[in-house]
Amino acid sequence: MTATFQTNLTDTTYNGWTNYETWNVSLWIQNDEFLYNLAQKCDSYEDFLSVLKELNTVATPDGVRYADPAVNAIELDTDVFDY
């Protein structure tokens, strides 16, 4: 049996996203039917946050706050809200 180890650890992203917070928010938006349908009606992540605020929804079920400063809104606008 041969084992292969990754020796070049230059990828500093989290599953291809900027960080855990951005990945987690994206994961919930794209895999929860209600959030996905809501996101499709929004022009940007900022719009999405406004609607969530009105719905009194502040965090993903995993506890990541949608308005967490670590969430990369630009990346979400490009990859999630670019319909």
N, C-alpha and C. Protein backbone atom coordinates (compact mmCIF):
# COMPACT_ATOMS: atom_id res chain seq x y z
N MET A 1 0.84 -1.16 0.00
CA MET A 1 0.00 0.00 0.00
C MET A 1 0.90 1.24 0.00
N THR A 2 0.54 2.22 -0.85
CA THR A 2 1.30 3.45 -0.95
C THR A 2 0.44 4.61 -0.46
N ALA A 3 1.02 5.46 0.36
CA ALA A 3 0.30 6.64 0.85
C ALA A 3 0.87 7.88 0.17
N THR A 4 0.00 8.78 -0.17
CA THR A 4 0.41 10.04 -0.79
C THR A 4 0.05 11.16 0.18
N PHE A 5 1.01 12.03 0.43
CA PHE A 5 0.79 13.14 1.34
C PHE A 5 0.93 14.45 0.59
N GLN A 6 0.06 15.39 0.93
CA GLN A 6 0.15 16.72 0.32
C GLN A 6 1.23 17.49 1.06
N THR A 7 2.22 17.94 0.31
CA THR A 7 3.32 18.66 0.94
C THR A 7 3.28 20.15 0.65
N ASN A 8 2.51 20.55 -0.36
CA ASN A 8 2.42 21.95 -0.71
C ASN A 8 1.09 22.50 -0.20
N LEU A 9 1.12 23.10 0.97
CA LEU A 9 -0.10 23.59 1.59
C LEU A 9 -0.24 25.10 1.38
N THR A 10 -0.33 25.51 0.13
CA THR A 10 -0.43 26.93 -0.16
C THR A 10 -1.87 27.42 -0.20
N ASP A 11 -2.83 26.53 -0.26
CA ASP A 11 -4.23 26.92 -0.28
C ASP A 11 -4.64 27.31 1.13
N THR A 12 -4.89 28.59 1.35
CA THR A 12 -5.24 29.06 2.69
C THR A 12 -6.74 29.33 2.82
N THR A 13 -7.52 28.81 1.88
CA THR A 13 -8.95 29.04 1.91
C THR A 13 -9.65 27.94 2.70
N TYR A 14 -10.94 28.12 2.90
CA TYR A 14 -11.74 27.13 3.59
C TYR A 14 -12.71 26.53 2.58
N ASN A 15 -12.42 25.33 2.13
CA ASN A 15 -13.24 24.65 1.11
C ASN A 15 -13.45 25.54 -0.12
N GLY A 16 -12.43 26.31 -0.48
CA GLY A 16 -12.51 27.17 -1.65
C GLY A 16 -13.06 28.55 -1.36
N TRP A 17 -13.49 28.81 -0.15
CA TRP A 17 -14.02 30.12 0.25
C TRP A 17 -12.97 30.85 1.09
N THR A 18 -13.17 32.14 1.26
CA THR A 18 -12.22 32.97 2.00
C THR A 18 -11.96 32.44 3.40
N ASN A 19 -13.00 32.02 4.09
CA ASN A 19 -12.87 31.57 5.48
C ASN A 19 -14.10 30.73 5.86
N TYR A 20 -14.07 30.22 7.07
CA TYR A 20 -15.16 29.38 7.55
C TYR A 20 -16.49 30.11 7.55
N GLU A 21 -16.51 31.35 8.00
CA GLU A 21 -17.75 32.11 8.10
C GLU A 21 -18.41 32.28 6.73
N THR A 22 -17.63 32.65 5.73
CA THR A 22 -18.17 32.83 4.38
C THR A 22 -18.66 31.50 3.82
N TRP A 23 -17.88 30.46 4.01
CA TRP A 23 -18.27 29.13 3.55
C TRP A 23 -19.57 28.68 4.21
N ASN A 24 -19.69 28.87 5.52
CA ASN A 24 -20.86 28.42 6.26
C ASN A 24 -22.12 29.16 5.81
N VAL A 25 -22.02 30.48 5.66
CA VAL A 25 -23.17 31.26 5.20
C VAL A 25 -23.57 30.82 3.80
N SER A 26 -22.60 30.66 2.91
CA SER A 26 -22.88 30.21 1.55
C SER A 26 -23.53 28.83 1.55
N LEU A 27 -23.02 27.95 2.37
CA LEU A 27 -23.55 26.59 2.46
C LEU A 27 -25.03 26.61 2.84
N TRP A 28 -25.38 27.41 3.83
CA TRP A 28 -26.78 27.47 4.27
C TRP A 28 -27.66 28.12 3.22
N ILE A 29 -27.18 29.20 2.61
CA ILE A 29 -28.00 29.87 1.59
C ILE A 29 -28.28 28.94 0.42
N GLN A 30 -27.27 28.19 0.01
CA GLN A 30 -27.43 27.36 -1.18
C GLN A 30 -28.05 26.00 -0.91
N ASN A 31 -28.21 25.63 0.37
CA ASN A 31 -28.74 24.30 0.68
C ASN A 31 -30.00 24.31 1.53
N ASP A 32 -30.51 25.48 1.85
CA ASP A 32 -31.76 25.59 2.58
C ASP A 32 -32.78 26.22 1.62
N GLU A 33 -33.86 25.53 1.36
CA GLU A 33 -34.81 25.98 0.33
C GLU A 33 -35.33 27.39 0.61
N PHE A 34 -35.71 27.67 1.85
CA PHE A 34 -36.22 29.00 2.18
C PHE A 34 -35.18 30.08 1.94
N LEU A 35 -33.95 29.87 2.44
CA LEU A 35 -32.89 30.86 2.27
C LEU A 35 -32.51 31.02 0.80
N TYR A 36 -32.48 29.92 0.07
CA TYR A 36 -32.15 29.97 -1.35
C TYR A 36 -33.17 30.80 -2.12
N ASN A 37 -34.46 30.52 -1.88
CA ASN A 37 -35.52 31.28 -2.57
C ASN A 37 -35.48 32.75 -2.18
N LEU A 38 -35.20 33.02 -0.93
CA LEU A 38 -35.08 34.40 -0.47
C LEU A 38 -33.89 35.09 -1.16
N ALA A 39 -32.77 34.40 -1.23
CA ALA A 39 -31.58 34.97 -1.85
C ALA A 39 -31.81 35.27 -3.33
N GLN A 40 -32.60 34.45 -4.00
CA GLN A 40 -32.87 34.67 -5.42
C GLN A 40 -33.66 35.96 -5.65
N LYS A 41 -34.37 36.42 -4.64
CA LYS A 41 -35.14 37.64 -4.76
C LYS A 41 -34.32 38.89 -4.40
N CYS A 42 -33.11 38.68 -3.91
CA CYS A 42 -32.25 39.79 -3.49
C CYS A 42 -31.19 40.08 -4.55
N ASP A 43 -30.80 41.35 -4.64
CA ASP A 43 -29.79 41.74 -5.62
C ASP A 43 -28.37 41.57 -5.10
N SER A 44 -28.22 41.54 -3.78
CA SER A 44 -26.87 41.44 -3.20
C SER A 44 -26.97 40.85 -1.80
N TYR A 45 -25.81 40.55 -1.24
CA TYR A 45 -25.79 40.03 0.12
C TYR A 45 -26.29 41.09 1.10
N GLU A 46 -26.01 42.33 0.83
CA GLU A 46 -26.49 43.42 1.69
C GLU A 46 -28.02 43.45 1.71
N ASP A 47 -28.65 43.29 0.56
CA ASP A 47 -30.12 43.20 0.50
C ASP A 47 -30.62 42.00 1.30
N PHE A 48 -29.93 40.89 1.13
CA PHE A 48 -30.28 39.66 1.85
C PHE A 48 -30.22 39.89 3.35
N LEU A 49 -29.17 40.57 3.82
CA LEU A 49 -29.04 40.86 5.25
C LEU A 49 -30.19 41.72 5.75
N SER A 50 -30.62 42.68 4.95
CA SER A 50 -31.74 43.55 5.33
C SER A 50 -33.02 42.74 5.53
N VAL A 51 -33.27 41.82 4.62
CA VAL A 51 -34.46 40.98 4.73
C VAL A 51 -34.37 40.07 5.95
N LEU A 52 -33.20 39.48 6.17
CA LEU A 52 -33.02 38.62 7.33
C LEU A 52 -33.24 39.39 8.63
N LYS A 53 -32.78 40.63 8.64
CA LYS A 53 -32.97 41.47 9.83
C LYS A 53 -34.46 41.69 10.10
N GLU A 54 -35.23 41.93 9.04
CA GLU A 54 -36.68 42.10 9.19
C GLU A 54 -37.33 40.82 9.70
N LEU A 55 -36.77 39.68 9.32
CA LEU A 55 -37.30 38.39 9.76
C LEU A 55 -36.76 37.96 11.12
N ASN A 56 -35.92 38.81 11.69
CA ASN A 56 -35.30 38.54 12.99
C ASN A 56 -34.45 37.27 12.98
N THR A 57 -33.77 37.05 11.86
CA THR A 57 -32.88 35.91 11.70
C THR A 57 -31.45 36.43 11.67
N VAL A 58 -30.67 36.08 12.67
CA VAL A 58 -29.34 36.68 12.79
C VAL A 58 -28.19 35.73 12.52
N ALA A 59 -28.44 34.42 12.55
CA ALA A 59 -27.33 33.48 12.41
C ALA A 59 -27.77 32.21 11.70
N THR A 60 -26.79 31.51 11.14
CA THR A 60 -27.06 30.20 10.55
C THR A 60 -27.37 29.22 11.68
N PRO A 61 -27.96 28.08 11.36
CA PRO A 61 -28.20 27.08 12.41
C PRO A 61 -26.91 26.62 13.10
N ASP A 62 -25.76 26.86 12.47
CA ASP A 62 -24.48 26.52 13.07
C ASP A 62 -23.94 27.63 13.98
N GLY A 63 -24.66 28.75 14.04
CA GLY A 63 -24.26 29.83 14.94
C GLY A 63 -23.41 30.92 14.32
N VAL A 64 -23.17 30.87 13.02
CA VAL A 64 -22.40 31.93 12.36
C VAL A 64 -23.35 33.09 12.08
N ARG A 65 -23.02 34.26 12.58
CA ARG A 65 -23.87 35.43 12.37
C ARG A 65 -23.77 35.88 10.91
N TYR A 66 -24.93 36.11 10.30
CA TYR A 66 -24.93 36.56 8.91
C TYR A 66 -24.20 37.89 8.74
N ALA A 67 -24.23 38.73 9.77
CA ALA A 67 -23.57 40.03 9.70
C ALA A 67 -22.16 40.01 10.30
N ASP A 68 -21.62 38.83 10.50
CA ASP A 68 -20.25 38.71 11.03
C ASP A 68 -19.29 39.45 10.10
N PRO A 69 -18.42 40.30 10.65
CA PRO A 69 -17.48 41.04 9.81
C PRO A 69 -16.53 40.13 9.02
N ALA A 70 -16.37 38.89 9.45
CA ALA A 70 -15.48 37.97 8.73
C ALA A 70 -16.12 37.44 7.45
N VAL A 71 -17.45 37.55 7.32
CA VAL A 71 -18.13 37.08 6.11
C VAL A 71 -17.74 37.98 4.94
N ASN A 72 -17.25 37.38 3.88
CA ASN A 72 -16.81 38.12 2.70
C ASN A 72 -18.01 38.37 1.79
N ALA A 73 -18.64 39.54 1.97
CA ALA A 73 -19.84 39.88 1.20
C ALA A 73 -19.55 39.99 -0.28
N ILE A 74 -18.38 40.46 -0.64
CA ILE A 74 -18.02 40.60 -2.06
C ILE A 74 -17.96 39.22 -2.72
N GLU A 75 -17.38 38.27 -2.03
CA GLU A 75 -17.30 36.91 -2.57
C GLU A 75 -18.70 36.30 -2.70
N LEU A 76 -19.56 36.52 -1.71
CA LEU A 76 -20.93 36.02 -1.79
C LEU A 76 -21.69 36.69 -2.92
N ASP A 77 -21.50 38.01 -3.10
CA ASP A 77 -22.16 38.70 -4.20
C ASP A 77 -21.76 38.10 -5.54
N THR A 78 -20.51 37.73 -5.67
CA THR A 78 -19.99 37.19 -6.91
C THR A 78 -20.42 35.75 -7.14
N ASP A 79 -20.38 34.93 -6.09
CA ASP A 79 -20.61 33.49 -6.25
C ASP A 79 -22.02 33.02 -5.92
N VAL A 80 -22.75 33.77 -5.13
CA VAL A 80 -24.08 33.32 -4.71
C VAL A 80 -25.18 34.20 -5.29
N PHE A 81 -24.95 35.50 -5.32
CA PHE A 81 -26.00 36.43 -5.74
C PHE A 81 -25.84 36.92 -7.17
N ASP A 82 -25.03 36.27 -7.94
CA ASP A 82 -24.80 36.65 -9.34
C ASP A 82 -25.66 35.76 -10.23
N TYR A 83 -26.94 36.07 -10.34
CA TYR A 83 -27.86 35.25 -11.13
C TYR A 83 -27.94 35.71 -12.54
